[in-house]
Amino acid sequence: MPTIDDMSSTGQPDEPQSRLARILGVVPRALSSKPHIIFLACLGIYLVLLPLFQVHVSAFSELVGGNYTNVTSDLGACIAAGGTIHLIKTNKAHKKEIEKLRSLVEAIHEKL
């Protein structure tokens, strides 16, 4: 019998994921990783804070690295991706708890 983790919201077993779906599933983890956030913070310091203190940043650097709107929107995407990962983890833990409770209820029902 399939478990709750193997089923979709319709109660049917989930289809096997394609290679593209698995690759796209890695994107939120990569976006919310610590090295990526540190990189964006350094890029923000270079592209946003240094010009505020009259340090010249070349046009080529701004072209390649983006501007403050790019950096801040990227940081926002990192925060959203981290939130998504947190929700997925808590959902999986919740499904495991529900499966345990269901098996306990079935065991009690059998004893009665």
C-alpha atoms as a PDB file:
ATOM      1  CA  MET A   1       0.000   0.000   0.000  1.00  0.00           C
ATOM      2  CA  PRO A   2       1.450   3.432  -0.922  1.00  0.00           C
ATOM      3  CA  THR A   3       2.206   5.779   1.928  1.00  0.00           C
ATOM      4  CA  ILE A   4       1.013   9.362   2.190  1.00  0.00           C
ATOM      5  CA  ASP A   5       4.388  10.590   0.890  1.00  0.00           C
ATOM      6  CA  ASP A   6       3.914   8.560  -2.315  1.00  0.00           C
ATOM      7  CA  MET A   7       0.509  10.023  -3.082  1.00  0.00           C
ATOM      8  CA  SER A   8      -0.645  13.241  -4.660  1.00  0.00           C
ATOM      9  CA  SER A   9      -3.564  15.316  -3.384  1.00  0.00           C
ATOM     10  CA  THR A  10      -5.938  13.139  -5.446  1.00  0.00           C
ATOM     11  CA  GLY A  11      -4.941  10.008  -3.529  1.00  0.00           C
ATOM     12  CA  GLN A  12      -3.180   8.472  -6.508  1.00  0.00           C
ATOM     13  CA  PRO A  13       0.527   7.578  -6.480  1.00  0.00           C
ATOM     14  CA  ASP A  14       2.706  10.372  -7.863  1.00  0.00           C
ATOM     15  CA  GLU A  15       4.193  10.010 -11.321  1.00  0.00           C
ATOM     16  CA  PRO A  16       7.971   9.551 -11.487  1.00  0.00           C
ATOM     17  CA  GLN A  17       9.659  12.928 -11.838  1.00  0.00           C
ATOM     18  CA  SER A  18      11.402  13.837 -15.052  1.00  0.00           C
ATOM     19  CA  ARG A  19      15.054  14.838 -15.140  1.00  0.00           C
ATOM     20  CA  LEU A  20      14.080  18.488 -15.715  1.00  0.00           C
ATOM     21  CA  ALA A  21      11.778  18.456 -12.675  1.00  0.00           C
ATOM     22  CA  ARG A  22      14.581  17.073 -10.493  1.00  0.00           C
ATOM     23  CA  ILE A  23      17.026  19.682 -11.814  1.00  0.00           C
ATOM     24  CA  LEU A  24      14.530  22.487 -11.170  1.00  0.00           C
ATOM     25  CA  GLY A  25      13.970  21.087  -7.675  1.00  0.00           C
ATOM     26  CA  VAL A  26      17.594  21.942  -6.856  1.00  0.00           C
ATOM     27  CA  VAL A  27      17.158  25.646  -7.714  1.00  0.00           C
ATOM     28  CA  PRO A  28      15.565  26.741  -4.400  1.00  0.00           C
ATOM     29  CA  ARG A  29      18.313  25.001  -2.406  1.00  0.00           C
ATOM     30  CA  ALA A  30      21.009  26.646  -4.543  1.00  0.00           C
ATOM     31  CA  LEU A  31      19.408  30.089  -4.226  1.00  0.00           C
ATOM     32  CA  SER A  32      19.066  29.901  -0.467  1.00  0.00           C
ATOM     33  CA  SER A  33      22.542  28.456   0.129  1.00  0.00           C
ATOM     34  CA  LYS A  34      24.927  30.359   2.385  1.00  0.00           C
ATOM     35  CA  PRO A  35      27.624  30.832  -0.298  1.00  0.00           C
ATOM     36  CA  HIS A  36      25.080  32.382  -2.657  1.00  0.00           C
ATOM     37  CA  ILE A  37      23.767  34.759   0.003  1.00  0.00           C
ATOM     38  CA  ILE A  38      27.315  35.763   0.993  1.00  0.00           C
ATOM     39  CA  PHE A  39      28.157  36.366  -2.676  1.00  0.00           C
ATOM     40  CA  LEU A  40      25.093  38.590  -3.105  1.00  0.00           C
ATOM     41  CA  ALA A  41      25.904  40.490   0.084  1.00  0.00           C
ATOM     42  CA  CYS A  42      29.443  41.175  -1.167  1.00  0.00           C
ATOM     43  CA  LEU A  43      28.090  42.176  -4.550  1.00  0.00           C
ATOM     44  CA  GLY A  44      25.651  44.522  -2.829  1.00  0.00           C
ATOM     45  CA  ILE A  45      28.448  46.124  -0.833  1.00  0.00           C
ATOM     46  CA  TYR A  46      30.494  46.566  -3.994  1.00  0.00           C
ATOM     47  CA  LEU A  47      27.688  47.883  -6.198  1.00  0.00           C
ATOM     48  CA  VAL A  48      25.578  49.793  -3.669  1.00  0.00           C
ATOM     49  CA  LEU A  49      27.588  50.880  -0.626  1.00  0.00           C
ATOM     50  CA  LEU A  50      30.914  51.758  -2.233  1.00  0.00           C
ATOM     51  CA  PRO A  51      29.368  54.273  -4.674  1.00  0.00           C
ATOM     52  CA  LEU A  52      27.622  55.919  -1.702  1.00  0.00           C
ATOM     53  CA  PHE A  53      31.078  56.604  -0.228  1.00  0.00           C
ATOM     54  CA  GLN A  54      32.310  58.106  -3.515  1.00  0.00           C
ATOM     55  CA  VAL A  55      34.288  55.013  -4.570  1.00  0.00           C
ATOM     56  CA  HIS A  56      34.190  54.640  -8.340  1.00  0.00           C
ATOM     57  CA  VAL A  57      32.681  51.400  -9.647  1.00  0.00           C
ATOM     58  CA  SER A  58      33.294  50.842 -13.345  1.00  0.00           C
ATOM     59  CA  ALA A  59      30.450  50.707 -15.819  1.00  0.00           C
ATOM     60  CA  PHE A  60      31.593  47.247 -16.867  1.00  0.00           C
ATOM     61  CA  SER A  61      31.250  46.024 -13.271  1.00  0.00           C
ATOM     62  CA  GLU A  62      27.750  47.393 -13.100  1.00  0.00           C
ATOM     63  CA  LEU A  63      26.922  45.828 -16.448  1.00  0.00           C
ATOM     64  CA  VAL A  64      28.124  42.393 -15.354  1.00  0.00           C
ATOM     65  CA  GLY A  65      27.111  42.540 -11.682  1.00  0.00           C
ATOM     66  CA  GLY A  66      23.901  44.498 -12.083  1.00  0.00           C
ATOM     67  CA  ASN A  67      22.705  47.422 -10.024  1.00  0.00           C
ATOM     68  CA  TYR A  68      21.101  47.786  -6.619  1.00  0.00           C
ATOM     69  CA  THR A  69      17.681  46.682  -7.871  1.00  0.00           C
ATOM     70  CA  ASN A  70      19.140  43.454  -9.240  1.00  0.00           C
ATOM     71  CA  VAL A  71      21.016  42.711  -6.037  1.00  0.00           C
ATOM     72  CA  THR A  72      18.091  43.445  -3.740  1.00  0.00           C
ATOM     73  CA  SER A  73      15.667  41.423  -5.873  1.00  0.00           C
ATOM     74  CA  ASP A  74      18.131  38.521  -5.881  1.00  0.00           C
ATOM     75  CA  LEU A  75      18.334  38.669  -2.088  1.00  0.00           C
ATOM     76  CA  GLY A  76      14.528  38.674  -1.975  1.00  0.00           C
ATOM     77  CA  ALA A  77      14.497  35.562  -4.171  1.00  0.00           C
ATOM     78  CA  CYS A  78      16.935  33.907  -1.736  1.00  0.00           C
ATOM     79  CA  ILE A  79      14.647  34.675   1.182  1.00  0.00           C
ATOM     80  CA  ALA A  80      11.620  33.310  -0.695  1.00  0.00           C
ATOM     81  CA  ALA A  81      13.506  30.163  -1.710  1.00  0.00           C
ATOM     82  CA  GLY A  82      14.602  29.594   1.891  1.00  0.00           C
ATOM     83  CA  GLY A  83      11.003  29.956   3.026  1.00  0.00           C
ATOM     84  CA  THR A  84       9.875  27.460   0.415  1.00  0.00           C
ATOM     85  CA  ILE A  85      12.464  24.925   1.527  1.00  0.00           C
ATOM     86  CA  HIS A  86      11.394  25.376   5.157  1.00  0.00           C
ATOM     87  CA  LEU A  87       7.741  24.787   4.232  1.00  0.00           C
ATOM     88  CA  ILE A  88       8.602  21.662   2.255  1.00  0.00           C
ATOM     89  CA  LYS A  89      10.610  20.220   5.159  1.00  0.00           C
ATOM     90  CA  THR A  90       7.871  20.912   7.699  1.00  0.00           C
ATOM     91  CA  ASN A  91       5.266  19.464   5.332  1.00  0.00           C
ATOM     92  CA  LYS A  92       7.244  16.226   4.994  1.00  0.00           C
ATOM     93  CA  ALA A  93       7.633  15.995   8.769  1.00  0.00           C
ATOM     94  CA  HIS A  94       3.910  16.626   9.192  1.00  0.00           C
ATOM     95  CA  LYS A  95       3.075  13.877   6.692  1.00  0.00           C
ATOM     96  CA  LYS A  96       5.270  11.436   8.635  1.00  0.00           C
ATOM     97  CA  GLU A  97       3.458  12.313  11.869  1.00  0.00           C
ATOM     98  CA  ILE A  98       0.087  11.801  10.191  1.00  0.00           C
ATOM     99  CA  GLU A  99       1.217   8.425   8.841  1.00  0.00           C
ATOM    100  CA  LYS A 100       2.310   7.342  12.350  1.00  0.00           C
ATOM    101  CA  LEU A 101      -1.002   8.463  13.843  1.00  0.00           C
ATOM    102  CA  ARG A 102      -2.945   6.672  11.107  1.00  0.00           C
ATOM    103  CA  SER A 103      -1.080   3.431  11.793  1.00  0.00           C
ATOM    104  CA  LEU A 104      -1.758   3.814  15.527  1.00  0.00           C
ATOM    105  CA  VAL A 105      -5.453   4.356  14.884  1.00  0.00           C
ATOM    106  CA  GLU A 106      -5.525   1.272  12.627  1.00  0.00           C
ATOM    107  CA  ALA A 107      -3.789  -0.771  15.324  1.00  0.00           C
ATOM    108  CA  ILE A 108      -6.264   0.379  17.962  1.00  0.00           C
ATOM    109  CA  HIS A 109      -9.160  -0.302  15.602  1.00  0.00           C
ATOM    110  CA  GLU A 110      -7.890  -3.863  15.034  1.00  0.00           C
ATOM    111  CA  LYS A 111      -7.648  -4.464  18.805  1.00  0.00           C
ATOM    112  CA  LEU A 112     -11.198  -3.271  19.334  1.00  0.00           C
END
